[in-house]
Structures are given as C-alpha cells and as structure tokens.
N, C-alpha and C. Protein backbone atom coordinates (compact mmCIF):
# COMPACT_ATOMS: atom_id res chain seq x y z
N MET A 1 99.07 82.84 92.39
CA MET A 1 99.59 84.14 92.77
C MET A 1 100.81 84.46 91.92
N THR A 2 100.85 85.60 91.36
CA THR A 2 101.98 86.06 90.58
C THR A 2 102.97 86.72 91.52
N ALA A 3 104.18 86.21 91.52
CA ALA A 3 105.19 86.76 92.43
C ALA A 3 105.62 88.14 91.96
N PRO A 4 105.97 89.02 92.94
CA PRO A 4 106.45 90.34 92.53
C PRO A 4 107.77 90.17 91.79
N SER A 5 108.00 91.00 90.84
CA SER A 5 109.22 90.93 90.06
C SER A 5 110.05 92.17 90.33
N THR A 6 111.21 92.22 89.69
CA THR A 6 112.05 93.40 89.85
C THR A 6 111.44 94.60 89.14
N PHE A 7 110.39 94.37 88.34
CA PHE A 7 109.75 95.44 87.59
C PHE A 7 108.58 96.07 88.32
N GLY A 8 108.22 95.57 89.47
CA GLY A 8 107.12 96.15 90.22
C GLY A 8 106.29 95.10 90.92
N PRO A 9 105.15 95.52 91.41
CA PRO A 9 104.29 94.63 92.19
C PRO A 9 103.60 93.58 91.31
N SER A 10 103.08 92.56 91.96
CA SER A 10 102.35 91.51 91.26
C SER A 10 101.08 92.07 90.63
N SER A 11 100.50 91.30 89.74
CA SER A 11 99.26 91.74 89.10
C SER A 11 98.14 91.85 90.13
N GLU A 12 98.14 90.97 91.15
CA GLU A 12 97.11 91.05 92.20
C GLU A 12 97.23 92.35 92.98
N ALA A 13 98.46 92.74 93.31
CA ALA A 13 98.68 94.00 94.04
C ALA A 13 98.26 95.19 93.19
N ARG A 14 98.60 95.18 91.91
CA ARG A 14 98.19 96.27 91.02
C ARG A 14 96.67 96.34 90.90
N ASN A 15 96.02 95.16 90.79
CA ASN A 15 94.56 95.14 90.67
C ASN A 15 93.89 95.64 91.94
N LEU A 16 94.42 95.27 93.09
CA LEU A 16 93.85 95.74 94.35
C LEU A 16 94.02 97.25 94.48
N HIS A 17 95.18 97.75 94.07
CA HIS A 17 95.39 99.19 94.11
C HIS A 17 94.46 99.90 93.13
N TRP A 18 94.23 99.29 91.98
CA TRP A 18 93.30 99.86 91.01
C TRP A 18 91.90 99.95 91.61
N LEU A 19 91.46 98.90 92.32
CA LEU A 19 90.15 98.92 92.97
C LEU A 19 90.07 100.05 93.99
N LEU A 20 91.13 100.22 94.77
CA LEU A 20 91.15 101.28 95.78
C LEU A 20 91.13 102.65 95.12
N THR A 21 91.89 102.81 94.05
CA THR A 21 91.92 104.08 93.33
C THR A 21 90.55 104.42 92.77
N ASN A 22 89.87 103.43 92.20
CA ASN A 22 88.52 103.64 91.69
C ASN A 22 87.57 104.07 92.79
N LEU A 23 87.69 103.46 93.95
CA LEU A 23 86.84 103.83 95.08
C LEU A 23 87.01 105.30 95.42
N VAL A 24 88.25 105.76 95.49
CA VAL A 24 88.53 107.15 95.85
C VAL A 24 88.09 108.12 94.76
N GLU A 25 88.39 107.78 93.52
CA GLU A 25 88.12 108.71 92.42
C GLU A 25 86.65 108.77 92.01
N GLU A 26 85.91 107.69 92.20
CA GLU A 26 84.56 107.63 91.64
C GLU A 26 83.44 107.84 92.65
N VAL A 27 83.76 107.82 93.94
CA VAL A 27 82.70 108.01 94.93
C VAL A 27 82.83 109.41 95.52
N PRO A 28 81.84 110.25 95.29
CA PRO A 28 81.89 111.62 95.80
C PRO A 28 81.96 111.64 97.34
N GLY A 29 82.85 112.48 97.83
CA GLY A 29 82.96 112.67 99.27
C GLY A 29 84.01 111.83 99.96
N ILE A 30 84.61 110.85 99.26
CA ILE A 30 85.68 110.07 99.88
C ILE A 30 86.96 110.88 99.81
N LEU A 31 87.58 111.06 100.97
CA LEU A 31 88.81 111.85 101.06
C LEU A 31 90.05 110.98 101.10
N SER A 32 90.00 109.89 101.85
CA SER A 32 91.14 108.97 101.90
C SER A 32 90.66 107.58 102.30
N VAL A 33 91.47 106.59 101.95
CA VAL A 33 91.13 105.19 102.18
C VAL A 33 92.38 104.47 102.65
N ALA A 34 92.19 103.51 103.56
CA ALA A 34 93.29 102.66 104.01
C ALA A 34 92.79 101.24 104.17
N VAL A 35 93.61 100.29 103.74
CA VAL A 35 93.37 98.88 104.00
C VAL A 35 94.38 98.49 105.07
N VAL A 36 93.87 97.90 106.16
CA VAL A 36 94.68 97.61 107.33
C VAL A 36 94.63 96.11 107.61
N SER A 37 95.76 95.52 107.94
CA SER A 37 95.81 94.10 108.27
C SER A 37 95.20 93.85 109.65
N SER A 38 95.00 92.58 109.97
CA SER A 38 94.40 92.23 111.26
C SER A 38 95.28 92.65 112.43
N ASP A 39 96.57 92.81 112.20
CA ASP A 39 97.46 93.25 113.28
C ASP A 39 97.72 94.75 113.23
N GLY A 40 96.93 95.48 112.46
CA GLY A 40 96.97 96.94 112.48
C GLY A 40 97.96 97.59 111.55
N LEU A 41 98.60 96.83 110.69
CA LEU A 41 99.57 97.40 109.76
C LEU A 41 98.90 97.88 108.48
N LEU A 42 99.33 99.04 108.02
CA LEU A 42 98.81 99.61 106.78
C LEU A 42 99.28 98.76 105.60
N LEU A 43 98.32 98.27 104.82
CA LEU A 43 98.64 97.45 103.64
C LEU A 43 98.54 98.23 102.35
N LEU A 44 97.58 99.13 102.27
CA LEU A 44 97.32 99.85 101.04
C LEU A 44 96.66 101.16 101.40
N SER A 45 96.99 102.21 100.64
CA SER A 45 96.48 103.52 100.98
C SER A 45 96.22 104.35 99.74
N SER A 46 95.29 105.28 99.86
CA SER A 46 95.05 106.22 98.77
C SER A 46 96.05 107.37 98.82
N ASP A 47 96.88 107.42 99.85
CA ASP A 47 97.91 108.46 99.99
C ASP A 47 98.92 108.27 98.86
N PRO A 48 99.06 109.25 97.97
CA PRO A 48 99.95 109.06 96.82
C PRO A 48 101.41 108.86 97.21
N ASP A 49 101.82 109.35 98.38
CA ASP A 49 103.21 109.16 98.80
C ASP A 49 103.48 107.76 99.31
N LEU A 50 102.42 107.00 99.63
CA LEU A 50 102.60 105.66 100.14
C LEU A 50 102.09 104.60 99.18
N ALA A 51 101.65 105.01 98.00
CA ALA A 51 101.09 104.06 97.04
C ALA A 51 102.18 103.11 96.56
N ILE A 52 101.77 101.89 96.20
CA ILE A 52 102.73 100.92 95.71
C ILE A 52 103.34 101.39 94.40
N ALA A 53 104.52 100.92 94.11
CA ALA A 53 105.21 101.31 92.88
C ALA A 53 104.38 100.91 91.68
N ARG A 54 104.45 101.70 90.64
CA ARG A 54 103.65 101.42 89.45
C ARG A 54 104.56 101.05 88.28
N THR A 55 104.02 100.31 87.36
CA THR A 55 104.76 99.94 86.17
C THR A 55 104.23 100.77 85.01
N ASP A 56 104.74 100.50 83.84
CA ASP A 56 104.29 101.21 82.66
C ASP A 56 103.07 100.54 82.02
N SER A 57 102.41 99.65 82.74
CA SER A 57 101.24 98.97 82.21
C SER A 57 100.06 99.93 82.13
N PRO A 58 99.01 99.58 81.36
CA PRO A 58 97.82 100.43 81.31
C PRO A 58 97.20 100.63 82.69
N GLU A 59 97.23 99.55 83.53
CA GLU A 59 96.68 99.72 84.88
C GLU A 59 97.49 100.74 85.65
N GLY A 60 98.82 100.68 85.52
CA GLY A 60 99.69 101.61 86.23
C GLY A 60 99.46 103.04 85.78
N ALA A 61 99.26 103.22 84.49
CA ALA A 61 99.03 104.57 83.98
C ALA A 61 97.74 105.14 84.53
N ARG A 62 96.73 104.30 84.65
CA ARG A 62 95.44 104.79 85.13
C ARG A 62 95.51 105.14 86.61
N THR A 63 96.27 104.35 87.41
CA THR A 63 96.33 104.60 88.84
C THR A 63 97.34 105.66 89.21
N ALA A 64 98.17 106.07 88.28
CA ALA A 64 99.21 107.05 88.60
C ALA A 64 98.64 108.37 89.09
N GLY A 65 97.42 108.67 88.71
CA GLY A 65 96.81 109.93 89.14
C GLY A 65 96.05 109.83 90.45
N ALA A 66 96.13 108.67 91.12
CA ALA A 66 95.37 108.49 92.36
C ALA A 66 95.84 109.45 93.43
N SER A 67 94.91 110.08 94.05
CA SER A 67 95.22 111.01 95.12
C SER A 67 94.02 111.19 96.00
N GLY A 68 94.29 111.30 97.30
CA GLY A 68 93.20 111.55 98.23
C GLY A 68 92.89 113.03 98.33
N VAL A 69 93.56 113.86 97.57
CA VAL A 69 93.36 115.30 97.67
C VAL A 69 92.15 115.69 96.84
N ARG A 70 91.23 116.41 97.45
CA ARG A 70 90.02 116.87 96.76
C ARG A 70 89.83 118.34 97.05
N ALA A 71 89.87 119.14 96.03
CA ALA A 71 89.54 120.57 96.10
C ALA A 71 90.27 121.28 97.24
N GLY A 72 91.54 120.92 97.46
CA GLY A 72 92.34 121.60 98.45
C GLY A 72 91.97 121.29 99.89
N LYS A 73 91.14 120.27 100.11
CA LYS A 73 90.74 119.92 101.47
C LYS A 73 91.71 118.93 102.08
N ARG A 74 91.68 118.86 103.38
CA ARG A 74 92.47 117.89 104.14
C ARG A 74 92.07 116.50 103.66
N THR A 75 93.02 115.56 103.53
CA THR A 75 92.73 114.25 102.97
C THR A 75 92.58 113.15 104.00
N GLY A 76 92.78 113.40 105.24
CA GLY A 76 92.63 112.36 106.25
C GLY A 76 93.01 112.91 107.60
N PRO A 77 93.05 112.04 108.59
CA PRO A 77 93.47 112.51 109.90
C PRO A 77 94.88 113.08 109.81
N ARG A 78 95.00 114.36 110.01
CA ARG A 78 96.29 115.06 109.90
C ARG A 78 96.94 114.84 108.54
N GLY A 79 96.16 114.38 107.56
CA GLY A 79 96.68 114.18 106.22
C GLY A 79 97.52 112.94 106.06
N SER A 80 97.52 112.03 107.03
CA SER A 80 98.42 110.90 106.99
C SER A 80 97.67 109.57 106.89
N ALA A 81 98.11 108.74 105.96
CA ALA A 81 97.53 107.41 105.82
C ALA A 81 97.82 106.56 107.05
N ALA A 82 98.98 106.75 107.65
CA ALA A 82 99.33 105.99 108.85
C ALA A 82 98.39 106.34 110.00
N ASP A 83 98.01 107.62 110.11
CA ASP A 83 97.06 108.02 111.15
C ASP A 83 95.69 107.39 110.89
N LEU A 84 95.24 107.39 109.65
CA LEU A 84 93.96 106.77 109.32
C LEU A 84 94.01 105.28 109.65
N ALA A 85 95.10 104.62 109.31
CA ALA A 85 95.24 103.19 109.61
C ALA A 85 95.18 102.93 111.11
N THR A 86 95.79 103.79 111.90
CA THR A 86 95.77 103.65 113.36
C THR A 86 94.35 103.78 113.89
N VAL A 87 93.62 104.77 113.41
CA VAL A 87 92.24 104.99 113.85
C VAL A 87 91.36 103.81 113.42
N VAL A 88 91.51 103.36 112.20
CA VAL A 88 90.72 102.24 111.68
C VAL A 88 90.99 100.98 112.50
N SER A 89 92.25 100.70 112.77
CA SER A 89 92.61 99.53 113.56
C SER A 89 92.03 99.61 114.97
N GLY A 90 92.11 100.78 115.58
CA GLY A 90 91.57 100.95 116.93
C GLY A 90 90.07 100.79 116.98
N ILE A 91 89.37 101.39 116.04
CA ILE A 91 87.90 101.27 115.99
C ILE A 91 87.52 99.82 115.70
N GLY A 92 88.24 99.19 114.80
CA GLY A 92 87.97 97.78 114.49
C GLY A 92 88.12 96.90 115.72
N SER A 93 89.19 97.11 116.46
CA SER A 93 89.44 96.33 117.68
C SER A 93 88.37 96.59 118.73
N LEU A 94 88.02 97.85 118.91
CA LEU A 94 87.00 98.22 119.90
C LEU A 94 85.65 97.59 119.57
N THR A 95 85.25 97.63 118.31
CA THR A 95 83.94 97.09 117.95
C THR A 95 83.92 95.57 118.00
N VAL A 96 85.03 94.93 117.69
CA VAL A 96 85.10 93.47 117.82
C VAL A 96 84.96 93.08 119.29
N GLY A 97 85.64 93.81 120.18
CA GLY A 97 85.52 93.55 121.61
C GLY A 97 84.10 93.76 122.10
N ALA A 98 83.46 94.82 121.64
CA ALA A 98 82.07 95.09 122.03
C ALA A 98 81.14 93.99 121.54
N ALA A 99 81.34 93.52 120.32
CA ALA A 99 80.49 92.46 119.77
C ALA A 99 80.65 91.17 120.56
N LYS A 100 81.89 90.87 120.96
CA LYS A 100 82.11 89.67 121.77
C LYS A 100 81.45 89.81 123.14
N LEU A 101 81.58 90.99 123.73
CA LEU A 101 80.99 91.24 125.05
C LEU A 101 79.48 91.11 125.00
N MET A 102 78.87 91.62 123.94
CA MET A 102 77.42 91.59 123.81
C MET A 102 76.91 90.30 123.18
N ASP A 103 77.82 89.48 122.65
CA ASP A 103 77.47 88.20 122.05
C ASP A 103 76.44 88.36 120.93
N TYR A 104 76.70 89.35 120.03
CA TYR A 104 75.79 89.61 118.92
C TYR A 104 76.35 89.17 117.57
N GLY A 105 77.45 88.48 117.56
CA GLY A 105 78.04 88.03 116.31
C GLY A 105 79.11 88.98 115.82
N PRO A 106 79.71 88.67 114.67
CA PRO A 106 80.82 89.49 114.16
C PRO A 106 80.36 90.87 113.67
N VAL A 107 81.29 91.81 113.73
CA VAL A 107 81.03 93.17 113.25
C VAL A 107 81.18 93.18 111.73
N ARG A 108 80.21 93.76 111.04
CA ARG A 108 80.28 93.88 109.59
C ARG A 108 80.79 95.25 109.16
N HIS A 109 80.28 96.30 109.80
CA HIS A 109 80.76 97.64 109.47
C HIS A 109 80.45 98.59 110.62
N THR A 110 81.20 99.70 110.63
CA THR A 110 81.03 100.73 111.64
C THR A 110 81.03 102.08 110.93
N MET A 111 80.12 102.96 111.31
CA MET A 111 80.09 104.31 110.74
C MET A 111 80.12 105.32 111.89
N VAL A 112 80.96 106.32 111.74
CA VAL A 112 81.06 107.39 112.72
C VAL A 112 80.82 108.70 111.98
N ALA A 113 79.78 109.41 112.37
CA ALA A 113 79.46 110.70 111.75
C ALA A 113 79.93 111.81 112.69
N MET A 114 80.72 112.74 112.16
CA MET A 114 81.24 113.86 112.92
C MET A 114 80.81 115.16 112.25
N ASP A 115 80.98 116.28 112.92
CA ASP A 115 80.59 117.56 112.34
C ASP A 115 81.31 117.84 111.03
N GLU A 116 82.58 117.51 110.96
CA GLU A 116 83.40 117.87 109.80
C GLU A 116 83.73 116.70 108.88
N GLY A 117 83.15 115.54 109.13
CA GLY A 117 83.45 114.40 108.28
C GLY A 117 82.87 113.11 108.82
N SER A 118 83.18 112.02 108.14
CA SER A 118 82.69 110.70 108.51
C SER A 118 83.82 109.70 108.43
N LEU A 119 83.67 108.63 109.20
CA LEU A 119 84.63 107.53 109.16
C LEU A 119 83.85 106.25 109.03
N PHE A 120 84.27 105.41 108.12
CA PHE A 120 83.62 104.14 107.87
C PHE A 120 84.66 103.05 108.02
N VAL A 121 84.31 101.96 108.67
CA VAL A 121 85.21 100.81 108.81
C VAL A 121 84.41 99.57 108.46
N MET A 122 84.97 98.75 107.57
CA MET A 122 84.29 97.53 107.14
C MET A 122 85.29 96.38 107.12
N SER A 123 84.85 95.22 107.59
CA SER A 123 85.68 94.02 107.57
C SER A 123 85.87 93.54 106.14
N ILE A 124 87.10 93.12 105.82
CA ILE A 124 87.36 92.57 104.49
C ILE A 124 87.44 91.05 104.60
N SER A 125 88.50 90.54 105.19
CA SER A 125 88.66 89.10 105.38
C SER A 125 89.78 88.88 106.39
N ASP A 126 89.73 87.76 107.06
CA ASP A 126 90.76 87.39 108.04
C ASP A 126 91.12 88.52 108.99
N GLY A 127 90.17 89.36 109.31
CA GLY A 127 90.43 90.46 110.24
C GLY A 127 90.95 91.72 109.58
N SER A 128 91.22 91.69 108.28
CA SER A 128 91.64 92.90 107.58
C SER A 128 90.47 93.87 107.51
N LEU A 129 90.78 95.17 107.46
CA LEU A 129 89.75 96.19 107.49
C LEU A 129 89.93 97.20 106.37
N LEU A 130 88.82 97.71 105.89
CA LEU A 130 88.82 98.83 104.95
C LEU A 130 88.32 100.04 105.71
N GLY A 131 89.12 101.10 105.73
CA GLY A 131 88.73 102.33 106.40
C GLY A 131 88.61 103.46 105.39
N VAL A 132 87.53 104.22 105.49
CA VAL A 132 87.29 105.33 104.58
C VAL A 132 87.00 106.59 105.39
N HIS A 133 87.70 107.66 105.04
CA HIS A 133 87.44 108.97 105.64
C HIS A 133 86.67 109.76 104.60
N GLY A 134 85.46 110.17 104.98
CA GLY A 134 84.60 110.90 104.05
C GLY A 134 84.37 112.33 104.50
N SER A 135 84.00 113.16 103.57
CA SER A 135 83.69 114.56 103.88
C SER A 135 82.37 114.65 104.63
N ALA A 136 82.12 115.80 105.20
CA ALA A 136 80.89 116.01 105.97
C ALA A 136 79.65 115.88 105.09
N ASP A 137 79.77 116.20 103.81
CA ASP A 137 78.60 116.16 102.94
C ASP A 137 78.50 114.88 102.10
N CYS A 138 79.30 113.86 102.41
CA CYS A 138 79.21 112.62 101.64
C CYS A 138 77.90 111.90 101.95
N ASP A 139 77.43 111.16 100.99
CA ASP A 139 76.22 110.36 101.17
C ASP A 139 76.66 109.03 101.79
N MET A 140 76.37 108.85 103.07
CA MET A 140 76.86 107.69 103.80
C MET A 140 76.40 106.37 103.18
N SER A 141 75.21 106.32 102.66
CA SER A 141 74.72 105.08 102.06
C SER A 141 75.47 104.75 100.78
N VAL A 142 75.81 105.76 99.99
CA VAL A 142 76.58 105.54 98.76
C VAL A 142 77.99 105.07 99.10
N VAL A 143 78.62 105.70 100.07
CA VAL A 143 79.97 105.29 100.49
C VAL A 143 79.94 103.85 100.99
N ALA A 144 78.98 103.52 101.85
CA ALA A 144 78.89 102.16 102.39
C ALA A 144 78.64 101.14 101.28
N TYR A 145 77.81 101.48 100.31
CA TYR A 145 77.55 100.58 99.19
C TYR A 145 78.82 100.30 98.40
N HIS A 146 79.58 101.35 98.07
CA HIS A 146 80.81 101.16 97.30
C HIS A 146 81.90 100.46 98.11
N MET A 147 81.90 100.68 99.41
CA MET A 147 82.83 99.93 100.26
C MET A 147 82.49 98.44 100.21
N ALA A 148 81.20 98.10 100.27
CA ALA A 148 80.79 96.70 100.20
C ALA A 148 81.19 96.08 98.87
N LEU A 149 81.08 96.83 97.78
CA LEU A 149 81.55 96.34 96.48
C LEU A 149 83.05 96.07 96.51
N PHE A 150 83.82 97.01 97.08
CA PHE A 150 85.27 96.83 97.19
C PHE A 150 85.58 95.57 97.99
N VAL A 151 84.93 95.41 99.13
CA VAL A 151 85.17 94.25 99.99
C VAL A 151 84.83 92.95 99.25
N GLY A 152 83.73 92.95 98.52
CA GLY A 152 83.35 91.78 97.75
C GLY A 152 84.36 91.41 96.68
N ARG A 153 84.94 92.42 96.07
CA ARG A 153 85.93 92.18 95.01
C ARG A 153 87.31 91.89 95.56
N ALA A 154 87.67 92.51 96.68
CA ALA A 154 89.02 92.39 97.21
C ALA A 154 89.18 91.23 98.18
N GLY A 155 88.12 90.83 98.84
CA GLY A 155 88.21 89.83 99.89
C GLY A 155 88.86 88.53 99.46
N HIS A 156 88.49 88.03 98.30
CA HIS A 156 89.01 86.74 97.87
C HIS A 156 90.45 86.81 97.35
N VAL A 157 90.93 87.98 96.98
CA VAL A 157 92.31 88.10 96.49
C VAL A 157 93.29 88.53 97.57
N LEU A 158 92.79 88.92 98.73
CA LEU A 158 93.66 89.38 99.80
C LEU A 158 94.20 88.16 100.56
N THR A 159 95.05 87.41 99.89
CA THR A 159 95.64 86.19 100.44
C THR A 159 96.80 86.55 101.37
N PRO A 160 97.26 85.58 102.17
CA PRO A 160 98.43 85.85 103.01
C PRO A 160 99.65 86.31 102.20
N GLU A 161 99.82 85.73 101.02
CA GLU A 161 100.96 86.12 100.17
C GLU A 161 100.83 87.58 99.72
N LEU A 162 99.63 87.97 99.32
CA LEU A 162 99.41 89.35 98.87
C LEU A 162 99.55 90.33 100.03
N ARG A 163 99.01 89.96 101.20
CA ARG A 163 99.17 90.83 102.38
C ARG A 163 100.65 91.03 102.69
N SER A 164 101.43 89.96 102.59
CA SER A 164 102.86 90.06 102.85
C SER A 164 103.54 90.97 101.83
N GLU A 165 103.17 90.83 100.57
CA GLU A 165 103.73 91.70 99.52
C GLU A 165 103.37 93.16 99.77
N LEU A 166 102.11 93.42 100.12
CA LEU A 166 101.68 94.79 100.36
C LEU A 166 102.38 95.40 101.57
N ARG A 167 102.54 94.61 102.63
CA ARG A 167 103.28 95.09 103.81
C ARG A 167 104.70 95.47 103.43
N GLN A 168 105.35 94.57 102.70
CA GLN A 168 106.74 94.82 102.29
C GLN A 168 106.83 96.08 101.43
N SER A 169 105.87 96.27 100.55
CA SER A 169 105.85 97.45 99.70
C SER A 169 105.74 98.72 100.53
N MET A 170 104.84 98.70 101.54
CA MET A 170 104.65 99.87 102.40
C MET A 170 105.91 100.13 103.23
N GLU A 171 106.54 99.06 103.74
CA GLU A 171 107.78 99.22 104.52
C GLU A 171 108.89 99.79 103.65
N ASN A 172 109.01 99.28 102.43
CA ASN A 172 110.04 99.79 101.51
C ASN A 172 109.82 101.26 101.21
N LYS A 173 108.56 101.64 100.98
CA LYS A 173 108.25 103.04 100.68
C LYS A 173 108.57 103.93 101.88
N ALA A 174 108.26 103.45 103.09
CA ALA A 174 108.56 104.21 104.30
C ALA A 174 110.07 104.39 104.45
N LEU A 175 110.83 103.35 104.21
CA LEU A 175 112.29 103.45 104.29
C LEU A 175 112.83 104.40 103.23
N GLU A 176 112.27 104.32 102.04
CA GLU A 176 112.69 105.21 100.95
C GLU A 176 112.42 106.67 101.32
N ASN A 177 111.24 106.92 101.90
CA ASN A 177 110.90 108.29 102.30
C ASN A 177 111.81 108.79 103.41
N GLU A 178 112.19 107.92 104.36
CA GLU A 178 113.11 108.31 105.43
C GLU A 178 114.48 108.65 104.87
N SER A 179 114.96 107.86 103.92
CA SER A 179 116.28 108.11 103.37
C SER A 179 116.36 109.36 102.49
N THR A 180 115.22 109.77 101.91
CA THR A 180 115.22 110.97 101.06
C THR A 180 114.81 112.20 101.85
N GLY A 181 114.46 112.01 103.12
CA GLY A 181 114.08 113.16 103.94
C GLY A 181 112.66 113.62 103.71
N SER A 182 111.85 112.78 103.06
CA SER A 182 110.45 113.12 102.82
C SER A 182 109.70 113.13 104.15
N PRO A 183 108.69 113.97 104.32
CA PRO A 183 107.99 114.07 105.59
C PRO A 183 107.23 112.81 105.98
N ARG A 184 106.90 111.91 105.04
CA ARG A 184 106.16 110.69 105.37
C ARG A 184 107.02 109.50 105.26
C-alpha cells in the first residue's frame, strides 16, 4: 500500500477513483455513484464536490472532469452523495437482514426500479457496497454488468488501509466545505 503523501492521495485511492469515474462517464444512464463502508460511511463518490483531491498526474487530469451531472438532470437523491450513501446503506442493511431471515445466503445485488429512475446496490467486500443511481431509461442489465466489473476490479484493493484513507479524505473535504460555507 502506498501511503498518502502531502501531495495527494495514494495511488490506490487515485486508481479507485479513476474506476468510479469511468463507471459514471462510460455507462449511459448512470447519474451518480457512491461507495459505502460496512458501517454506512461514504468512502467515494461521483459527486465532484466530494471527490478526493487530485494531483497533476495523468490519472488526476483524466478524473478532473468527473461529474454526476448529465444533461442538466438531477444527479442523485436531492443531488447529494451523502443522501445516496444513506439510501444505499439502508437498503444494504435491509436486504442482508432479509437474507438472514430467509436463510438464502448472502446478498449479491439489489435493483429497485422506480418511475423516474433506478437504484442498484452491489456488495464489494467486507460489507462495503457500491450504489448506483440510474436514469429511468438506463439499461439495467448494462448497469449491473459494469457494476460487477467495478466490484471485481475494486474488491481486492479496498483494504482496511485504503478504506481509512478514503474516509479521512471525505471527512477532510466535508470540513473544508463547512469552513468555506459551501452547501455540501
């Protein structure tokens, strides 16, 4: 694991953010994405105001344009990554409880189709979850396929050290936004 430096996040954190950015930018119909820890804390988000700090590296330059905004549409529940993380955590907890009650094994993914959009929740590792808010016209099978690719690529690198770094990054960004009077 590469420790974070004074110049920005570790290479693992940058790579994970790059994977998330690719998911949002390359899959039609994805509006916002959140990675949530097993205890419900937001680790990573497609929300540009909560994204981890970037460096001047080629990876940083490519991810600098990441945004959950598509064609002027709402990007998530009330437009907030924290709200998406809360919903993802709640659905994850509810489905895990249901699976235990029914004794059918662990939950792999959950899809909720609504009139105005879709919500997808998929287990990553150690109870961490990937949540995706999709538009009403997204192709659910394509979104689920790309989520599975993300989980396959991210699962092995989402170590306790990286989760801790991502949490700290999100907390620092939240404190920074509070001190500057930013709405998030």
